[in-house]
């Protein structure tokens, strides 16, 4: 896909990303349900990370989430800092910024 359409903007389905993060938090981190719910809301909620349309605000939200949970859930912090934030930035928030589209994308759109 990248080779044939190098300039194409690729959106990723936020519903599937959310499901993947939940699965990771349950099966790889063993996180408490209340913390998992809060983290998911901070990332995918109506005012969450994926709704951010400003790069500085995006980085501030990432830092806030990491500050809140990195000392308790180091494995989650490594996953978020090393993988998740890059995927969300590249395939969710930046496409929304460049396309002036204020809605996250799901396969059901």
C-alpha atoms as a PDB file:
ATOM      1  CA  UNK A   1       0.000   0.000   0.000  1.00  0.00           C
ATOM      2  CA  UNK A   2       2.716   2.491   0.952  1.00  0.00           C
ATOM      3  CA  UNK A   3       4.748   1.627  -2.137  1.00  0.00           C
ATOM      4  CA  UNK A   4       1.849   2.004  -4.584  1.00  0.00           C
ATOM      5  CA  UNK A   5       0.193   5.000  -2.875  1.00  0.00           C
ATOM      6  CA  UNK A   6       3.053   6.718  -1.019  1.00  0.00           C
ATOM      7  CA  UNK A   7       1.141   9.972  -0.452  1.00  0.00           C
ATOM      8  CA  UNK A   8      -2.142   8.408   0.611  1.00  0.00           C
ATOM      9  CA  UNK A   9      -3.434   9.270   4.037  1.00  0.00           C
ATOM     10  CA  UNK A  10      -4.315   6.115   5.940  1.00  0.00           C
ATOM     11  CA  UNK A  11      -6.857   6.220   8.705  1.00  0.00           C
ATOM     12  CA  UNK A  12      -7.017   3.406  11.237  1.00  0.00           C
ATOM     13  CA  UNK A  13     -10.284   2.319  12.818  1.00  0.00           C
ATOM     14  CA  UNK A  14     -10.487   3.785  16.318  1.00  0.00           C
ATOM     15  CA  UNK A  15     -12.888   1.058  17.453  1.00  0.00           C
ATOM     16  CA  UNK A  16     -10.335  -1.630  16.623  1.00  0.00           C
ATOM     17  CA  UNK A  17      -7.482   0.400  18.107  1.00  0.00           C
ATOM     18  CA  UNK A  18      -9.515   0.786  21.305  1.00  0.00           C
ATOM     19  CA  UNK A  19     -10.225  -2.964  21.388  1.00  0.00           C
ATOM     20  CA  UNK A  20      -6.506  -3.676  20.903  1.00  0.00           C
ATOM     21  CA  UNK A  21      -5.529  -1.327  23.734  1.00  0.00           C
ATOM     22  CA  UNK A  22      -8.133  -2.897  26.057  1.00  0.00           C
ATOM     23  CA  UNK A  23      -6.841  -6.345  25.179  1.00  0.00           C
ATOM     24  CA  UNK A  24      -3.250  -5.264  25.837  1.00  0.00           C
ATOM     25  CA  UNK A  25      -4.173  -3.716  29.184  1.00  0.00           C
ATOM     26  CA  UNK A  26      -6.007  -6.858  30.277  1.00  0.00           C
ATOM     27  CA  UNK A  27      -3.712  -9.573  28.949  1.00  0.00           C
ATOM     28  CA  UNK A  28      -0.263  -7.973  29.027  1.00  0.00           C
ATOM     29  CA  UNK A  29      -0.450  -5.468  31.866  1.00  0.00           C
ATOM     30  CA  UNK A  30      -3.075  -6.981  34.178  1.00  0.00           C
ATOM     31  CA  UNK A  31      -4.462  -3.553  34.943  1.00  0.00           C
ATOM     32  CA  UNK A  32      -7.284  -2.868  37.394  1.00  0.00           C
ATOM     33  CA  UNK A  33     -10.644  -2.383  35.653  1.00  0.00           C
ATOM     34  CA  UNK A  34     -11.151   1.126  37.058  1.00  0.00           C
ATOM     35  CA  UNK A  35      -7.728   2.241  35.794  1.00  0.00           C
ATOM     36  CA  UNK A  36      -8.349   0.578  32.431  1.00  0.00           C
ATOM     37  CA  UNK A  37     -11.655   2.409  32.034  1.00  0.00           C
ATOM     38  CA  UNK A  38     -10.017   5.732  32.893  1.00  0.00           C
ATOM     39  CA  UNK A  39      -7.098   5.178  30.517  1.00  0.00           C
ATOM     40  CA  UNK A  40      -9.422   4.181  27.675  1.00  0.00           C
ATOM     41  CA  UNK A  41     -11.534   7.302  28.298  1.00  0.00           C
ATOM     42  CA  UNK A  42      -8.416   9.514  28.332  1.00  0.00           C
ATOM     43  CA  UNK A  43      -7.313   8.059  25.000  1.00  0.00           C
ATOM     44  CA  UNK A  44     -10.571   7.357  23.135  1.00  0.00           C
ATOM     45  CA  UNK A  45     -13.207   9.404  24.984  1.00  0.00           C
ATOM     46  CA  UNK A  46     -14.990  12.516  23.693  1.00  0.00           C
ATOM     47  CA  UNK A  47     -12.188  14.755  25.021  1.00  0.00           C
ATOM     48  CA  UNK A  48      -9.526  12.102  24.700  1.00  0.00           C
ATOM     49  CA  UNK A  49      -6.233  11.931  22.925  1.00  0.00           C
ATOM     50  CA  UNK A  50      -7.703  10.792  19.598  1.00  0.00           C
ATOM     51  CA  UNK A  51      -9.961  13.860  19.474  1.00  0.00           C
ATOM     52  CA  UNK A  52      -7.035  16.254  19.718  1.00  0.00           C
ATOM     53  CA  UNK A  53      -6.640  18.539  16.715  1.00  0.00           C
ATOM     54  CA  UNK A  54      -3.551  20.421  17.875  1.00  0.00           C
ATOM     55  CA  UNK A  55      -0.059  18.903  18.008  1.00  0.00           C
ATOM     56  CA  UNK A  56       0.936  20.629  21.247  1.00  0.00           C
ATOM     57  CA  UNK A  57      -2.299  19.582  22.958  1.00  0.00           C
ATOM     58  CA  UNK A  58      -1.693  16.032  21.718  1.00  0.00           C
ATOM     59  CA  UNK A  59       1.758  15.941  23.320  1.00  0.00           C
ATOM     60  CA  UNK A  60       0.366  17.454  26.536  1.00  0.00           C
ATOM     61  CA  UNK A  61      -2.302  14.740  26.754  1.00  0.00           C
ATOM     62  CA  UNK A  62       0.266  11.998  26.120  1.00  0.00           C
ATOM     63  CA  UNK A  63       2.488  13.412  28.860  1.00  0.00           C
ATOM     64  CA  UNK A  64      -0.452  13.662  31.260  1.00  0.00           C
ATOM     65  CA  UNK A  65      -1.454  10.026  30.703  1.00  0.00           C
ATOM     66  CA  UNK A  66       2.131   8.828  31.080  1.00  0.00           C
ATOM     67  CA  UNK A  67       2.631  10.955  34.221  1.00  0.00           C
ATOM     68  CA  UNK A  68      -0.514   9.482  35.778  1.00  0.00           C
ATOM     69  CA  UNK A  69       0.231   5.818  35.072  1.00  0.00           C
ATOM     70  CA  UNK A  70       3.903   5.201  34.256  1.00  0.00           C
ATOM     71  CA  UNK A  71       4.963   4.648  37.866  1.00  0.00           C
ATOM     72  CA  UNK A  72       2.211   2.075  38.474  1.00  0.00           C
ATOM     73  CA  UNK A  73       2.057   0.394  35.069  1.00  0.00           C
ATOM     74  CA  UNK A  74       5.543   0.511  33.534  1.00  0.00           C
ATOM     75  CA  UNK A  75       4.605  -2.006  30.843  1.00  0.00           C
ATOM     76  CA  UNK A  76       1.684   0.156  29.733  1.00  0.00           C
ATOM     77  CA  UNK A  77       3.883   3.272  29.717  1.00  0.00           C
ATOM     78  CA  UNK A  78       6.467   1.541  27.507  1.00  0.00           C
ATOM     79  CA  UNK A  79       3.717   0.381  25.119  1.00  0.00           C
ATOM     80  CA  UNK A  80       2.114   3.792  24.964  1.00  0.00           C
ATOM     81  CA  UNK A  81       5.356   5.738  24.627  1.00  0.00           C
ATOM     82  CA  UNK A  82       7.025   3.315  22.242  1.00  0.00           C
ATOM     83  CA  UNK A  83       4.186   2.266  19.961  1.00  0.00           C
ATOM     84  CA  UNK A  84       0.660   3.488  20.635  1.00  0.00           C
ATOM     85  CA  UNK A  85       1.196   7.251  20.517  1.00  0.00           C
ATOM     86  CA  UNK A  86       2.993   7.005  17.168  1.00  0.00           C
ATOM     87  CA  UNK A  87       0.183   4.930  15.649  1.00  0.00           C
ATOM     88  CA  UNK A  88      -2.504   7.260  16.986  1.00  0.00           C
ATOM     89  CA  UNK A  89      -0.621  10.349  15.838  1.00  0.00           C
ATOM     90  CA  UNK A  90       0.139   9.056  12.346  1.00  0.00           C
ATOM     91  CA  UNK A  91      -3.139   7.280  11.560  1.00  0.00           C
ATOM     92  CA  UNK A  92      -5.790   9.072  13.623  1.00  0.00           C
ATOM     93  CA  UNK A  93      -4.989  12.615  14.760  1.00  0.00           C
ATOM     94  CA  UNK A  94      -2.727  13.860  11.940  1.00  0.00           C
ATOM     95  CA  UNK A  95      -5.149  12.743   9.207  1.00  0.00           C
ATOM     96  CA  UNK A  96      -7.913  14.596  11.058  1.00  0.00           C
ATOM     97  CA  UNK A  97      -5.714  17.710  11.231  1.00  0.00           C
ATOM     98  CA  UNK A  98      -4.654  17.645   7.587  1.00  0.00           C
ATOM     99  CA  UNK A  99      -8.081  16.760   6.217  1.00  0.00           C
ATOM    100  CA  UNK A 100      -9.976  19.213   8.444  1.00  0.00           C
ATOM    101  CA  UNK A 101     -12.087  16.268   9.520  1.00  0.00           C
ATOM    102  CA  UNK A 102     -13.156  16.446  13.171  1.00  0.00           C
ATOM    103  CA  UNK A 103     -14.473  12.902  13.339  1.00  0.00           C
ATOM    104  CA  UNK A 104     -12.488   9.797  14.178  1.00  0.00           C
ATOM    105  CA  UNK A 105     -12.885   7.001  11.679  1.00  0.00           C
ATOM    106  CA  UNK A 106     -14.265   3.511  12.230  1.00  0.00           C
ATOM    107  CA  UNK A 107     -14.797   0.726   9.708  1.00  0.00           C
ATOM    108  CA  UNK A 108     -18.534   1.241  10.178  1.00  0.00           C
ATOM    109  CA  UNK A 109     -18.363   4.813   8.870  1.00  0.00           C
END
